[in-house]
Each structure stands twice: as structure tokens, then as C-alpha cells.
Amino acid sequence: ASFIRRSRRRRIKSKRFQFPLEALLRKRKIEQDQALKELAGVLAAFNEQEAKRSEAFRLLDDEKGLFEKKFREEFHLDLFQMYDKYLERLESEAIDAEYRMQEMQPALEAERQKVMIARRNKRIIELLKEGQKKLYDEEQKRLARKELFEINSGIVNREGAYGQDRPVEERK
């Protein structure tokens, strides 16, 4: 029992794994999150313009179909002019939305690039951390094996000192 207590005192105390670049990793994660947030903002504006364009084209198609059906039976010049202006406005809205989408394309691509770079920078640090963690784990295993070997060697030596290595009949 006293041998076990002594071996526990001798036991090498292992520290928890600490990555020296943890602060940089947190900074890179914040940068990535910020880039994603900015991309989401540009993407939301882009999607809004796309929805406006789609809605304008849908209304345009609906109104054209209604116009054909309605004025096949009866034609009024003033209603035709009103429909024509309405259709022109819808078409203009659709074209404007598409133009704004094209204007947003470079900003959207720039934000995507920022996100890609931020992810790559974060991943580099994560790979370093994984490599150092693997080395740390291997070192801990090596120290544990060394400690077990020392404990086992001590037990064998003690048994020899107390005559434990002799046959049972001789010990009695």
C-alpha cells in the first residue's frame, strides 16, 4: 500500500491541452462570422430584387393573359391604353430589378470571396491546432506507458525483495 502511495506521488501530472494560438483561432472565427453576416446582408438585398423581378414578370404574364381574354370579346381604346401603360410599368419594374441585380453581382462576389478567405484562414489555424493536439495526445500516451512501466518494474522488484518470486511451497 505504501508503494502505491509513493508511485502516485511520483506520477507525472499532465496538464490540459492548451493551444498557444487559441486567441488567433477565436479572432479568425469572429472574422469568418462577420464575413458571413456581410454576405447575408448583400444576399438578402439580391434576393429581394430577384423576388421583385419574378413578381413583376409573373404579374406581366398574368395581365397579358387577362388582357387577351377580356378584349377578345370587346375592345375599348381607353382600357387598352390603360392596360398598355400598366404592362409597360410592370416590364419596367422587372427590368429595373434585373439591372439592380446585375449591379449587385460584383459586391456579392466580393463578399463570397471574403467568406472563402476567412474560412480558409480559420481552417489553417484549426489544422495547426489538430496537429498540436495529436502530438500532445501522443506525448501523454508515451508518458502513461512510461509510468506504467515504472510501476510494473517497481512491483516486480518488490516481489523479488519479499520472496514473492519463489514457489508457494517455499514461502510457507
N, C-alpha and C. Protein backbone atom coordinates (compact mmCIF):
# COMPACT_ATOMS: atom_id res chain seq x y z
N ALA A 1 0.83 -1.19 0.00
CA ALA A 1 0.00 0.00 0.00
C ALA A 1 0.87 1.25 0.00
N SER A 2 1.99 1.21 0.77
CA SER A 2 2.84 2.40 0.81
C SER A 2 3.52 2.60 -0.55
N PHE A 3 3.82 1.50 -1.25
CA PHE A 3 4.42 1.60 -2.57
C PHE A 3 3.48 2.31 -3.54
N ILE A 4 2.18 1.97 -3.45
CA ILE A 4 1.19 2.58 -4.34
C ILE A 4 1.10 4.07 -4.06
N ARG A 5 1.11 4.44 -2.76
CA ARG A 5 1.05 5.86 -2.43
C ARG A 5 2.27 6.59 -2.98
N ARG A 6 3.45 5.99 -2.85
CA ARG A 6 4.66 6.63 -3.37
C ARG A 6 4.60 6.77 -4.89
N SER A 7 4.07 5.74 -5.56
CA SER A 7 4.01 5.81 -7.02
C SER A 7 3.00 6.88 -7.47
N ARG A 8 1.97 7.08 -6.69
CA ARG A 8 1.02 8.14 -7.02
C ARG A 8 1.67 9.51 -6.88
N ARG A 9 2.50 9.65 -5.87
CA ARG A 9 3.20 10.93 -5.69
C ARG A 9 4.16 11.17 -6.83
N ARG A 10 4.74 10.11 -7.29
CA ARG A 10 5.71 10.21 -8.38
C ARG A 10 5.04 10.43 -9.73
N ARG A 11 3.76 10.17 -9.79
CA ARG A 11 3.02 10.25 -11.05
C ARG A 11 3.20 11.63 -11.66
N ILE A 12 3.45 11.63 -12.93
CA ILE A 12 3.64 12.89 -13.66
C ILE A 12 2.27 13.50 -13.88
N LYS A 13 2.12 14.70 -13.40
CA LYS A 13 0.83 15.37 -13.56
C LYS A 13 0.77 15.97 -14.96
N SER A 14 -0.25 15.58 -15.70
CA SER A 14 -0.39 16.11 -17.05
C SER A 14 -1.32 17.32 -17.04
N LYS A 15 -0.93 18.29 -17.78
CA LYS A 15 -1.75 19.49 -17.91
C LYS A 15 -2.74 19.28 -19.04
N ARG A 16 -3.82 20.04 -18.95
CA ARG A 16 -4.79 20.02 -20.05
C ARG A 16 -4.14 20.60 -21.29
N PHE A 17 -4.60 20.16 -22.44
CA PHE A 17 -4.06 20.68 -23.70
C PHE A 17 -4.42 22.15 -23.83
N GLN A 18 -3.41 22.95 -24.09
CA GLN A 18 -3.63 24.37 -24.33
C GLN A 18 -2.98 24.73 -25.65
N PHE A 19 -3.81 25.25 -26.54
CA PHE A 19 -3.32 25.64 -27.86
C PHE A 19 -2.81 27.08 -27.77
N PRO A 20 -1.55 27.31 -28.09
CA PRO A 20 -1.00 28.66 -27.93
C PRO A 20 -1.64 29.71 -28.85
N LEU A 21 -2.23 29.28 -29.93
CA LEU A 21 -2.85 30.22 -30.87
C LEU A 21 -4.37 30.27 -30.73
N GLU A 22 -4.87 29.92 -29.56
CA GLU A 22 -6.32 29.88 -29.33
C GLU A 22 -6.96 31.26 -29.56
N ALA A 23 -6.29 32.32 -29.13
CA ALA A 23 -6.82 33.67 -29.32
C ALA A 23 -6.92 34.00 -30.81
N LEU A 24 -5.91 33.60 -31.57
CA LEU A 24 -5.95 33.84 -33.02
C LEU A 24 -7.08 33.04 -33.66
N LEU A 25 -7.29 31.82 -33.19
CA LEU A 25 -8.38 31.00 -33.71
C LEU A 25 -9.73 31.67 -33.43
N ARG A 26 -9.91 32.19 -32.21
CA ARG A 26 -11.16 32.89 -31.90
C ARG A 26 -11.32 34.12 -32.79
N LYS A 27 -10.23 34.85 -33.03
CA LYS A 27 -10.27 36.04 -33.89
C LYS A 27 -10.67 35.65 -35.31
N ARG A 28 -10.09 34.58 -35.80
CA ARG A 28 -10.42 34.12 -37.16
C ARG A 28 -11.88 33.68 -37.25
N LYS A 29 -12.39 33.07 -36.19
CA LYS A 29 -13.80 32.66 -36.18
C LYS A 29 -14.69 33.89 -36.21
N ILE A 30 -14.33 34.91 -35.45
CA ILE A 30 -15.11 36.16 -35.45
C ILE A 30 -15.07 36.80 -36.84
N GLU A 31 -13.91 36.79 -37.47
CA GLU A 31 -13.79 37.34 -38.83
C GLU A 31 -14.67 36.57 -39.81
N GLN A 32 -14.66 35.25 -39.67
CA GLN A 32 -15.50 34.43 -40.54
C GLN A 32 -16.97 34.73 -40.31
N ASP A 33 -17.37 34.82 -39.05
CA ASP A 33 -18.77 35.13 -38.74
C ASP A 33 -19.17 36.49 -39.30
N GLN A 34 -18.27 37.47 -39.19
CA GLN A 34 -18.56 38.81 -39.71
C GLN A 34 -18.69 38.77 -41.23
N ALA A 35 -17.81 38.05 -41.89
CA ALA A 35 -17.88 37.93 -43.35
C ALA A 35 -19.19 37.25 -43.76
N LEU A 36 -19.60 36.23 -43.03
CA LEU A 36 -20.87 35.56 -43.33
C LEU A 36 -22.05 36.50 -43.13
N LYS A 37 -21.97 37.32 -42.09
CA LYS A 37 -23.03 38.28 -41.81
C LYS A 37 -23.14 39.30 -42.94
N GLU A 38 -22.00 39.82 -43.41
CA GLU A 38 -22.00 40.78 -44.51
C GLU A 38 -22.52 40.13 -45.79
N LEU A 39 -22.12 38.90 -46.03
CA LEU A 39 -22.62 38.18 -47.21
C LEU A 39 -24.13 38.00 -47.12
N ALA A 40 -24.62 37.68 -45.94
CA ALA A 40 -26.07 37.50 -45.76
C ALA A 40 -26.81 38.80 -46.07
N GLY A 41 -26.25 39.94 -45.67
CA GLY A 41 -26.89 41.22 -45.95
C GLY A 41 -26.97 41.49 -47.44
N VAL A 42 -25.88 41.29 -48.15
CA VAL A 42 -25.86 41.52 -49.61
C VAL A 42 -26.77 40.50 -50.29
N LEU A 43 -26.74 39.27 -49.82
CA LEU A 43 -27.57 38.22 -50.42
C LEU A 43 -29.06 38.50 -50.21
N ALA A 44 -29.41 39.04 -49.03
CA ALA A 44 -30.81 39.38 -48.77
C ALA A 44 -31.28 40.47 -49.73
N ALA A 45 -30.44 41.49 -49.96
CA ALA A 45 -30.81 42.56 -50.90
C ALA A 45 -30.92 42.00 -52.32
N PHE A 46 -30.01 41.11 -52.68
CA PHE A 46 -30.04 40.49 -54.00
C PHE A 46 -31.32 39.66 -54.17
N ASN A 47 -31.64 38.87 -53.16
CA ASN A 47 -32.85 38.04 -53.21
C ASN A 47 -34.11 38.89 -53.27
N GLU A 48 -34.09 40.02 -52.59
CA GLU A 48 -35.24 40.93 -52.63
C GLU A 48 -35.46 41.45 -54.05
N GLN A 49 -34.39 41.82 -54.72
CA GLN A 49 -34.50 42.30 -56.11
C GLN A 49 -34.96 41.16 -57.03
N GLU A 50 -34.46 39.98 -56.77
CA GLU A 50 -34.87 38.83 -57.58
C GLU A 50 -36.36 38.53 -57.38
N ALA A 51 -36.84 38.67 -56.15
CA ALA A 51 -38.26 38.45 -55.88
C ALA A 51 -39.11 39.52 -56.58
N LYS A 52 -38.63 40.76 -56.55
CA LYS A 52 -39.36 41.84 -57.24
C LYS A 52 -39.42 41.57 -58.74
N ARG A 53 -38.31 41.16 -59.30
CA ARG A 53 -38.26 40.86 -60.75
C ARG A 53 -39.21 39.71 -61.08
N SER A 54 -39.14 38.65 -60.28
CA SER A 54 -40.00 37.48 -60.53
C SER A 54 -41.48 37.86 -60.42
N GLU A 55 -41.80 38.64 -59.39
CA GLU A 55 -43.19 39.06 -59.20
C GLU A 55 -43.66 39.94 -60.36
N ALA A 56 -42.80 40.84 -60.82
CA ALA A 56 -43.17 41.72 -61.94
C ALA A 56 -43.40 40.90 -63.21
N PHE A 57 -42.53 39.94 -63.47
CA PHE A 57 -42.73 39.09 -64.66
C PHE A 57 -43.98 38.23 -64.53
N ARG A 58 -44.25 37.73 -63.32
CA ARG A 58 -45.45 36.93 -63.11
C ARG A 58 -46.70 37.77 -63.34
N LEU A 59 -46.73 38.98 -62.77
CA LEU A 59 -47.88 39.87 -62.98
C LEU A 59 -48.02 40.25 -64.45
N LEU A 60 -46.92 40.47 -65.10
CA LEU A 60 -46.94 40.81 -66.52
C LEU A 60 -47.57 39.69 -67.33
N ASP A 61 -47.16 38.46 -67.07
CA ASP A 61 -47.74 37.31 -67.79
C ASP A 61 -49.22 37.16 -67.47
N ASP A 62 -49.58 37.32 -66.19
CA ASP A 62 -51.00 37.21 -65.79
C ASP A 62 -51.84 38.26 -66.49
N GLU A 63 -51.37 39.49 -66.50
CA GLU A 63 -52.12 40.59 -67.10
C GLU A 63 -52.23 40.44 -68.62
N LYS A 64 -51.20 39.95 -69.25
CA LYS A 64 -51.27 39.72 -70.70
C LYS A 64 -52.34 38.69 -71.02
N GLY A 65 -52.35 37.61 -70.22
CA GLY A 65 -53.38 36.58 -70.42
C GLY A 65 -54.77 37.13 -70.18
N LEU A 66 -54.95 37.92 -69.15
CA LEU A 66 -56.24 38.54 -68.84
C LEU A 66 -56.64 39.52 -69.93
N PHE A 67 -55.68 40.30 -70.39
CA PHE A 67 -55.95 41.27 -71.45
C PHE A 67 -56.45 40.57 -72.70
N GLU A 68 -55.78 39.50 -73.11
CA GLU A 68 -56.18 38.78 -74.32
C GLU A 68 -57.59 38.21 -74.17
N LYS A 69 -57.86 37.64 -73.02
CA LYS A 69 -59.17 37.03 -72.78
C LYS A 69 -60.28 38.10 -72.75
N LYS A 70 -60.01 39.20 -72.06
CA LYS A 70 -61.01 40.23 -71.84
C LYS A 70 -61.34 41.00 -73.12
N PHE A 71 -60.31 41.32 -73.89
CA PHE A 71 -60.53 42.17 -75.05
C PHE A 71 -60.74 41.39 -76.33
N ARG A 72 -60.81 40.10 -76.26
CA ARG A 72 -61.19 39.30 -77.42
C ARG A 72 -62.68 39.51 -77.69
N GLU A 73 -63.41 39.64 -76.60
CA GLU A 73 -64.85 39.83 -76.72
C GLU A 73 -65.21 41.27 -77.04
N GLU A 74 -64.59 42.23 -76.38
CA GLU A 74 -64.97 43.62 -76.54
C GLU A 74 -63.71 44.49 -76.41
N PHE A 75 -63.51 45.40 -77.30
CA PHE A 75 -62.30 46.22 -77.31
C PHE A 75 -62.66 47.67 -77.04
N HIS A 76 -61.97 48.29 -76.05
CA HIS A 76 -62.14 49.71 -75.75
C HIS A 76 -60.75 50.34 -75.79
N LEU A 77 -60.62 51.39 -76.52
CA LEU A 77 -59.33 52.04 -76.71
C LEU A 77 -58.77 52.59 -75.39
N ASP A 78 -59.60 53.23 -74.58
CA ASP A 78 -59.11 53.80 -73.32
C ASP A 78 -58.64 52.71 -72.35
N LEU A 79 -59.34 51.56 -72.31
CA LEU A 79 -58.89 50.45 -71.46
C LEU A 79 -57.60 49.83 -72.00
N PHE A 80 -57.51 49.79 -73.33
CA PHE A 80 -56.30 49.25 -73.95
C PHE A 80 -55.10 50.11 -73.57
N GLN A 81 -55.26 51.42 -73.63
CA GLN A 81 -54.16 52.34 -73.28
C GLN A 81 -53.77 52.18 -71.80
N MET A 82 -54.79 52.04 -70.95
CA MET A 82 -54.52 51.86 -69.53
C MET A 82 -53.76 50.54 -69.28
N TYR A 83 -54.20 49.47 -69.91
CA TYR A 83 -53.50 48.18 -69.77
C TYR A 83 -52.09 48.27 -70.34
N ASP A 84 -51.96 48.94 -71.44
CA ASP A 84 -50.65 49.06 -72.06
C ASP A 84 -49.67 49.78 -71.13
N LYS A 85 -50.14 50.87 -70.51
CA LYS A 85 -49.28 51.59 -69.57
C LYS A 85 -48.94 50.72 -68.35
N TYR A 86 -49.94 49.99 -67.88
CA TYR A 86 -49.71 49.11 -66.73
C TYR A 86 -48.69 48.03 -67.08
N LEU A 87 -48.82 47.44 -68.24
CA LEU A 87 -47.88 46.41 -68.68
C LEU A 87 -46.48 46.99 -68.86
N GLU A 88 -46.41 48.20 -69.39
CA GLU A 88 -45.10 48.86 -69.54
C GLU A 88 -44.45 49.08 -68.17
N ARG A 89 -45.27 49.50 -67.20
CA ARG A 89 -44.74 49.73 -65.86
C ARG A 89 -44.22 48.43 -65.25
N LEU A 90 -44.99 47.35 -65.40
CA LEU A 90 -44.55 46.05 -64.86
C LEU A 90 -43.25 45.61 -65.53
N GLU A 91 -43.18 45.79 -66.83
CA GLU A 91 -41.98 45.40 -67.56
C GLU A 91 -40.79 46.26 -67.12
N SER A 92 -41.05 47.54 -66.91
CA SER A 92 -40.00 48.45 -66.45
C SER A 92 -39.51 48.06 -65.05
N GLU A 93 -40.44 47.70 -64.16
CA GLU A 93 -40.05 47.24 -62.82
C GLU A 93 -39.19 45.99 -62.89
N ALA A 94 -39.57 45.07 -63.75
CA ALA A 94 -38.81 43.83 -63.90
C ALA A 94 -37.40 44.12 -64.43
N ILE A 95 -37.32 44.99 -65.39
CA ILE A 95 -36.01 45.33 -65.98
C ILE A 95 -35.15 46.07 -64.96
N ASP A 96 -35.77 47.00 -64.21
CA ASP A 96 -35.02 47.72 -63.18
C ASP A 96 -34.47 46.76 -62.12
N ALA A 97 -35.30 45.83 -61.69
CA ALA A 97 -34.87 44.85 -60.68
C ALA A 97 -33.72 44.00 -61.22
N GLU A 98 -33.82 43.62 -62.48
CA GLU A 98 -32.76 42.82 -63.08
C GLU A 98 -31.47 43.63 -63.20
N TYR A 99 -31.60 44.91 -63.55
CA TYR A 99 -30.43 45.78 -63.63
C TYR A 99 -29.77 45.93 -62.26
N ARG A 100 -30.56 46.12 -61.20
CA ARG A 100 -30.02 46.23 -59.85
C ARG A 100 -29.33 44.94 -59.44
N MET A 101 -29.90 43.82 -59.85
CA MET A 101 -29.27 42.53 -59.54
C MET A 101 -27.90 42.43 -60.21
N GLN A 102 -27.82 42.89 -61.44
CA GLN A 102 -26.53 42.86 -62.14
C GLN A 102 -25.53 43.80 -61.48
N GLU A 103 -26.01 44.94 -60.99
CA GLU A 103 -25.13 45.86 -60.28
C GLU A 103 -24.63 45.25 -58.97
N MET A 104 -25.45 44.45 -58.33
CA MET A 104 -25.09 43.83 -57.05
C MET A 104 -24.15 42.65 -57.22
N GLN A 105 -24.06 42.11 -58.40
CA GLN A 105 -23.28 40.90 -58.65
C GLN A 105 -21.82 41.04 -58.21
N PRO A 106 -21.11 42.15 -58.54
CA PRO A 106 -19.72 42.26 -58.08
C PRO A 106 -19.61 42.32 -56.55
N ALA A 107 -20.51 43.04 -55.90
CA ALA A 107 -20.48 43.11 -54.43
C ALA A 107 -20.75 41.74 -53.84
N LEU A 108 -21.68 41.01 -54.42
CA LEU A 108 -22.00 39.66 -53.94
C LEU A 108 -20.79 38.75 -54.10
N GLU A 109 -20.13 38.84 -55.23
CA GLU A 109 -18.95 38.00 -55.46
C GLU A 109 -17.81 38.39 -54.51
N ALA A 110 -17.65 39.68 -54.25
CA ALA A 110 -16.61 40.13 -53.32
C ALA A 110 -16.89 39.59 -51.92
N GLU A 111 -18.13 39.61 -51.49
CA GLU A 111 -18.48 39.07 -50.16
C GLU A 111 -18.25 37.57 -50.10
N ARG A 112 -18.54 36.88 -51.17
CA ARG A 112 -18.29 35.43 -51.22
C ARG A 112 -16.79 35.15 -51.10
N GLN A 113 -15.99 35.97 -51.76
CA GLN A 113 -14.54 35.82 -51.67
C GLN A 113 -14.05 36.06 -50.24
N LYS A 114 -14.61 37.10 -49.59
CA LYS A 114 -14.23 37.38 -48.20
C LYS A 114 -14.54 36.18 -47.30
N VAL A 115 -15.72 35.59 -47.50
CA VAL A 115 -16.10 34.43 -46.69
C VAL A 115 -15.15 33.27 -46.95
N MET A 116 -14.83 33.06 -48.22
CA MET A 116 -13.93 31.96 -48.57
C MET A 116 -12.55 32.16 -47.94
N ILE A 117 -12.04 33.38 -47.99
CA ILE A 117 -10.73 33.67 -47.40
C ILE A 117 -10.78 33.51 -45.88
N ALA A 118 -11.85 34.01 -45.26
CA ALA A 118 -11.99 33.89 -43.80
C ALA A 118 -12.07 32.43 -43.39
N ARG A 119 -12.81 31.63 -44.14
CA ARG A 119 -12.89 30.19 -43.83
C ARG A 119 -11.54 29.51 -43.98
N ARG A 120 -10.82 29.88 -45.03
CA ARG A 120 -9.50 29.28 -45.27
C ARG A 120 -8.54 29.66 -44.13
N ASN A 121 -8.54 30.93 -43.73
CA ASN A 121 -7.66 31.38 -42.65
C ASN A 121 -7.99 30.67 -41.34
N LYS A 122 -9.27 30.50 -41.07
CA LYS A 122 -9.68 29.80 -39.85
C LYS A 122 -9.27 28.33 -39.93
N ARG A 123 -9.45 27.73 -41.07
CA ARG A 123 -9.14 26.31 -41.23
C ARG A 123 -7.64 26.05 -41.05
N ILE A 124 -6.80 26.98 -41.49
CA ILE A 124 -5.36 26.81 -41.32
C ILE A 124 -5.02 26.70 -39.83
N ILE A 125 -5.60 27.58 -39.03
CA ILE A 125 -5.34 27.56 -37.59
C ILE A 125 -5.93 26.30 -36.97
N GLU A 126 -7.11 25.88 -37.44
CA GLU A 126 -7.71 24.65 -36.92
C GLU A 126 -6.82 23.44 -37.21
N LEU A 127 -6.23 23.40 -38.40
CA LEU A 127 -5.34 22.29 -38.74
C LEU A 127 -4.10 22.30 -37.85
N LEU A 128 -3.57 23.50 -37.58
CA LEU A 128 -2.43 23.59 -36.64
C LEU A 128 -2.82 23.06 -35.27
N LYS A 129 -4.00 23.45 -34.82
CA LYS A 129 -4.47 23.01 -33.51
C LYS A 129 -4.63 21.49 -33.49
N GLU A 130 -5.23 20.94 -34.54
CA GLU A 130 -5.41 19.49 -34.60
C GLU A 130 -4.07 18.76 -34.56
N GLY A 131 -3.08 19.30 -35.30
CA GLY A 131 -1.75 18.68 -35.31
C GLY A 131 -1.09 18.73 -33.94
N GLN A 132 -1.19 19.89 -33.28
CA GLN A 132 -0.59 20.01 -31.95
C GLN A 132 -1.33 19.15 -30.94
N LYS A 133 -2.64 19.03 -31.08
CA LYS A 133 -3.43 18.18 -30.17
C LYS A 133 -3.01 16.72 -30.36
N LYS A 134 -2.79 16.33 -31.59
CA LYS A 134 -2.36 14.95 -31.86
C LYS A 134 -0.99 14.68 -31.23
N LEU A 135 -0.07 15.63 -31.38
CA LEU A 135 1.25 15.47 -30.76
C LEU A 135 1.13 15.43 -29.24
N TYR A 136 0.27 16.27 -28.68
CA TYR A 136 0.05 16.30 -27.24
C TYR A 136 -0.49 14.95 -26.76
N ASP A 137 -1.49 14.42 -27.48
CA ASP A 137 -2.07 13.13 -27.10
C ASP A 137 -1.03 12.01 -27.17
N GLU A 138 -0.21 12.03 -28.21
CA GLU A 138 0.84 11.01 -28.33
C GLU A 138 1.83 11.11 -27.18
N GLU A 139 2.20 12.34 -26.81
CA GLU A 139 3.12 12.54 -25.68
C GLU A 139 2.49 12.04 -24.38
N GLN A 140 1.20 12.29 -24.19
CA GLN A 140 0.52 11.82 -22.98
C GLN A 140 0.49 10.30 -22.94
N LYS A 141 0.25 9.67 -24.07
CA LYS A 141 0.26 8.21 -24.13
C LYS A 141 1.65 7.67 -23.81
N ARG A 142 2.68 8.34 -24.34
CA ARG A 142 4.05 7.90 -24.09
C ARG A 142 4.37 8.03 -22.60
N LEU A 143 3.98 9.13 -21.98
CA LEU A 143 4.22 9.32 -20.55
C LEU A 143 3.44 8.29 -19.72
N ALA A 144 2.23 7.98 -20.13
CA ALA A 144 1.43 6.99 -19.41
C ALA A 144 2.08 5.61 -19.51
N ARG A 145 2.57 5.26 -20.70
CA ARG A 145 3.26 3.97 -20.87
C ARG A 145 4.52 3.92 -20.01
N LYS A 146 5.25 5.04 -19.98
CA LYS A 146 6.47 5.12 -19.18
C LYS A 146 6.14 4.94 -17.70
N GLU A 147 5.08 5.59 -17.25
CA GLU A 147 4.67 5.50 -15.85
C GLU A 147 4.24 4.07 -15.51
N LEU A 148 3.45 3.45 -16.40
CA LEU A 148 3.05 2.06 -16.16
C LEU A 148 4.25 1.13 -16.11
N PHE A 149 5.21 1.37 -17.00
CA PHE A 149 6.41 0.56 -17.00
C PHE A 149 7.16 0.71 -15.67
N GLU A 150 7.26 1.96 -15.18
CA GLU A 150 7.95 2.19 -13.90
C GLU A 150 7.20 1.52 -12.75
N ILE A 151 5.87 1.61 -12.77
CA ILE A 151 5.08 0.96 -11.71
C ILE A 151 5.26 -0.54 -11.76
N ASN A 152 5.17 -1.10 -12.98
CA ASN A 152 5.33 -2.55 -13.12
C ASN A 152 6.74 -3.00 -12.72
N SER A 153 7.73 -2.22 -13.06
CA SER A 153 9.11 -2.56 -12.68
C SER A 153 9.25 -2.54 -11.17
N GLY A 154 8.63 -1.56 -10.52
CA GLY A 154 8.70 -1.46 -9.06
C GLY A 154 8.02 -2.63 -8.39
N ILE A 155 6.89 -3.08 -8.93
CA ILE A 155 6.18 -4.21 -8.35
C ILE A 155 7.01 -5.48 -8.49
N VAL A 156 7.61 -5.67 -9.63
CA VAL A 156 8.44 -6.86 -9.84
C VAL A 156 9.62 -6.83 -8.89
N ASN A 157 10.25 -5.68 -8.73
CA ASN A 157 11.40 -5.56 -7.81
C ASN A 157 10.97 -5.83 -6.38
N ARG A 158 9.84 -5.33 -5.96
CA ARG A 158 9.35 -5.54 -4.59
C ARG A 158 9.03 -7.01 -4.36
N GLU A 159 8.40 -7.65 -5.33
CA GLU A 159 8.09 -9.07 -5.16
C GLU A 159 9.37 -9.87 -4.99
N GLY A 160 10.38 -9.49 -5.73
CA GLY A 160 11.67 -10.17 -5.60
C GLY A 160 12.26 -9.94 -4.23
N ALA A 161 12.12 -8.76 -3.68
CA ALA A 161 12.69 -8.44 -2.37
C ALA A 161 11.96 -9.19 -1.26
N TYR A 162 10.70 -9.44 -1.39
CA TYR A 162 9.92 -10.13 -0.36
C TYR A 162 9.80 -11.63 -0.62
N GLY A 163 10.45 -12.11 -1.60
CA GLY A 163 10.42 -13.53 -1.86
C GLY A 163 9.18 -13.98 -2.61
N GLN A 164 8.51 -13.07 -3.26
CA GLN A 164 7.29 -13.41 -3.98
C GLN A 164 7.60 -14.19 -5.26
N ASP A 165 8.83 -14.15 -5.69
CA ASP A 165 9.16 -14.86 -6.91
C ASP A 165 9.47 -16.33 -6.66
N ARG A 166 9.51 -16.76 -5.37
CA ARG A 166 9.75 -18.17 -5.05
C ARG A 166 8.45 -18.95 -5.18
N PRO A 167 8.51 -20.24 -5.36
CA PRO A 167 7.28 -21.06 -5.41
C PRO A 167 6.52 -20.95 -4.11
N VAL A 168 5.24 -21.21 -4.12
CA VAL A 168 4.34 -21.06 -2.98
C VAL A 168 4.80 -21.97 -1.84
N GLU A 169 5.23 -23.21 -2.09
CA GLU A 169 5.64 -24.13 -1.04
C GLU A 169 6.83 -23.58 -0.24
N GLU A 170 7.76 -22.94 -0.93
CA GLU A 170 8.95 -22.42 -0.25
C GLU A 170 8.60 -21.23 0.63
N ARG A 171 7.61 -20.45 0.28
CA ARG A 171 7.25 -19.27 1.04
C ARG A 171 6.60 -19.64 2.36
N LYS A 172 5.92 -20.77 2.46
CA LYS A 172 5.25 -21.18 3.68
C LYS A 172 6.27 -21.58 4.66
